[in-house]
């Protein structure tokens, strides 16, 4: 899954990107500037990477992007 995140990162140039360690469903968090794009544009860009991303040929053509209205950070 790391190669997919790297591909997405190179495509959209986010401020930050994170994937939880126990991530079984492929969910990632991406932080972008509000001026850079909206959820629809981000979804279209990610889907454009296609059906065979990375060495494991991951299909991300059906990716759904949801807009978050809050950001919570913690320091450990």
C-alpha atoms as a PDB file:
ATOM      1  CA  UNK A   1       0.000   0.000   0.000  1.00  0.00           C
ATOM      2  CA  UNK A   2       2.985   2.302   0.518  1.00  0.00           C
ATOM      3  CA  UNK A   3       3.571   2.623  -3.212  1.00  0.00           C
ATOM      4  CA  UNK A   4      -0.036   3.719  -3.716  1.00  0.00           C
ATOM      5  CA  UNK A   5       0.322   6.439  -1.090  1.00  0.00           C
ATOM      6  CA  UNK A   6       3.575   7.540  -2.696  1.00  0.00           C
ATOM      7  CA  UNK A   7       1.866   7.734  -6.103  1.00  0.00           C
ATOM      8  CA  UNK A   8      -0.989   9.797  -4.665  1.00  0.00           C
ATOM      9  CA  UNK A   9       1.476  12.060  -2.882  1.00  0.00           C
ATOM     10  CA  UNK A  10       3.445  12.711  -6.065  1.00  0.00           C
ATOM     11  CA  UNK A  11       0.223  13.443  -7.946  1.00  0.00           C
ATOM     12  CA  UNK A  12      -1.400  15.938  -5.572  1.00  0.00           C
ATOM     13  CA  UNK A  13       1.540  17.258  -3.503  1.00  0.00           C
ATOM     14  CA  UNK A  14      -0.291  17.286  -0.139  1.00  0.00           C
ATOM     15  CA  UNK A  15       0.753  19.216   2.962  1.00  0.00           C
ATOM     16  CA  UNK A  16       0.592  15.895   4.847  1.00  0.00           C
ATOM     17  CA  UNK A  17      -0.494  12.317   4.220  1.00  0.00           C
ATOM     18  CA  UNK A  18      -1.059   9.533   6.739  1.00  0.00           C
ATOM     19  CA  UNK A  19      -2.154   5.907   6.772  1.00  0.00           C
ATOM     20  CA  UNK A  20      -2.980   4.288  10.125  1.00  0.00           C
ATOM     21  CA  UNK A  21      -0.782   1.314  11.093  1.00  0.00           C
ATOM     22  CA  UNK A  22      -3.739  -1.043  11.474  1.00  0.00           C
ATOM     23  CA  UNK A  23      -5.305   0.025   8.196  1.00  0.00           C
ATOM     24  CA  UNK A  24      -7.180  -2.917   6.689  1.00  0.00           C
ATOM     25  CA  UNK A  25      -9.590  -0.960   4.491  1.00  0.00           C
ATOM     26  CA  UNK A  26      -7.192   1.298   2.584  1.00  0.00           C
ATOM     27  CA  UNK A  27      -8.234   4.490   4.332  1.00  0.00           C
ATOM     28  CA  UNK A  28      -5.742   7.348   4.301  1.00  0.00           C
ATOM     29  CA  UNK A  29      -5.839  10.945   5.504  1.00  0.00           C
ATOM     30  CA  UNK A  30      -4.601  13.654   3.175  1.00  0.00           C
ATOM     31  CA  UNK A  31      -4.163  17.297   4.171  1.00  0.00           C
ATOM     32  CA  UNK A  32      -4.257  19.782   1.311  1.00  0.00           C
ATOM     33  CA  UNK A  33      -4.665  23.522   1.129  1.00  0.00           C
ATOM     34  CA  UNK A  34      -8.299  24.515   0.665  1.00  0.00           C
ATOM     35  CA  UNK A  35      -7.160  26.737  -2.196  1.00  0.00           C
ATOM     36  CA  UNK A  36      -5.440  23.809  -3.934  1.00  0.00           C
ATOM     37  CA  UNK A  37      -8.514  21.705  -4.721  1.00  0.00           C
ATOM     38  CA  UNK A  38     -11.885  20.539  -3.503  1.00  0.00           C
ATOM     39  CA  UNK A  39     -13.021  16.998  -2.653  1.00  0.00           C
ATOM     40  CA  UNK A  40     -14.404  16.334  -6.145  1.00  0.00           C
ATOM     41  CA  UNK A  41     -11.177  17.438  -7.863  1.00  0.00           C
ATOM     42  CA  UNK A  42      -9.107  15.390  -5.437  1.00  0.00           C
ATOM     43  CA  UNK A  43     -11.260  12.308  -6.043  1.00  0.00           C
ATOM     44  CA  UNK A  44     -10.963  12.688  -9.820  1.00  0.00           C
ATOM     45  CA  UNK A  45      -7.189  13.112  -9.592  1.00  0.00           C
ATOM     46  CA  UNK A  46      -6.728  10.020  -7.417  1.00  0.00           C
ATOM     47  CA  UNK A  47      -9.053   7.924  -9.586  1.00  0.00           C
ATOM     48  CA  UNK A  48      -7.071   8.972 -12.664  1.00  0.00           C
ATOM     49  CA  UNK A  49      -4.141   6.880 -11.405  1.00  0.00           C
ATOM     50  CA  UNK A  50      -6.192   3.903 -12.551  1.00  0.00           C
ATOM     51  CA  UNK A  51      -6.614   0.219 -11.897  1.00  0.00           C
ATOM     52  CA  UNK A  52      -2.997  -0.888 -11.572  1.00  0.00           C
ATOM     53  CA  UNK A  53      -1.039   1.308  -9.136  1.00  0.00           C
ATOM     54  CA  UNK A  54       2.264   0.192  -7.636  1.00  0.00           C
ATOM     55  CA  UNK A  55       3.943  -3.209  -7.834  1.00  0.00           C
ATOM     56  CA  UNK A  56       0.865  -4.870  -6.313  1.00  0.00           C
ATOM     57  CA  UNK A  57      -1.395  -3.447  -9.034  1.00  0.00           C
ATOM     58  CA  UNK A  58      -3.878  -1.836  -6.623  1.00  0.00           C
ATOM     59  CA  UNK A  59      -7.121  -0.609  -8.213  1.00  0.00           C
ATOM     60  CA  UNK A  60      -7.888   2.881  -6.891  1.00  0.00           C
ATOM     61  CA  UNK A  61     -10.212   3.876  -9.716  1.00  0.00           C
ATOM     62  CA  UNK A  62     -13.197   3.723  -7.339  1.00  0.00           C
ATOM     63  CA  UNK A  63     -11.664   5.877  -4.605  1.00  0.00           C
ATOM     64  CA  UNK A  64     -14.081   7.994  -2.585  1.00  0.00           C
ATOM     65  CA  UNK A  65     -12.897  11.289  -1.120  1.00  0.00           C
ATOM     66  CA  UNK A  66     -14.715  12.753   1.874  1.00  0.00           C
ATOM     67  CA  UNK A  67     -14.209  16.307   3.047  1.00  0.00           C
ATOM     68  CA  UNK A  68     -13.253  16.669   6.704  1.00  0.00           C
ATOM     69  CA  UNK A  69     -14.205  19.839   8.512  1.00  0.00           C
ATOM     70  CA  UNK A  70     -11.914  19.323  11.493  1.00  0.00           C
ATOM     71  CA  UNK A  71      -8.349  18.234  12.137  1.00  0.00           C
ATOM     72  CA  UNK A  72      -7.247  16.702  15.407  1.00  0.00           C
ATOM     73  CA  UNK A  73      -3.588  16.312  16.223  1.00  0.00           C
ATOM     74  CA  UNK A  74      -1.957  14.652  19.170  1.00  0.00           C
ATOM     75  CA  UNK A  75       1.580  14.520  20.425  1.00  0.00           C
ATOM     76  CA  UNK A  76       2.872  11.427  22.146  1.00  0.00           C
END
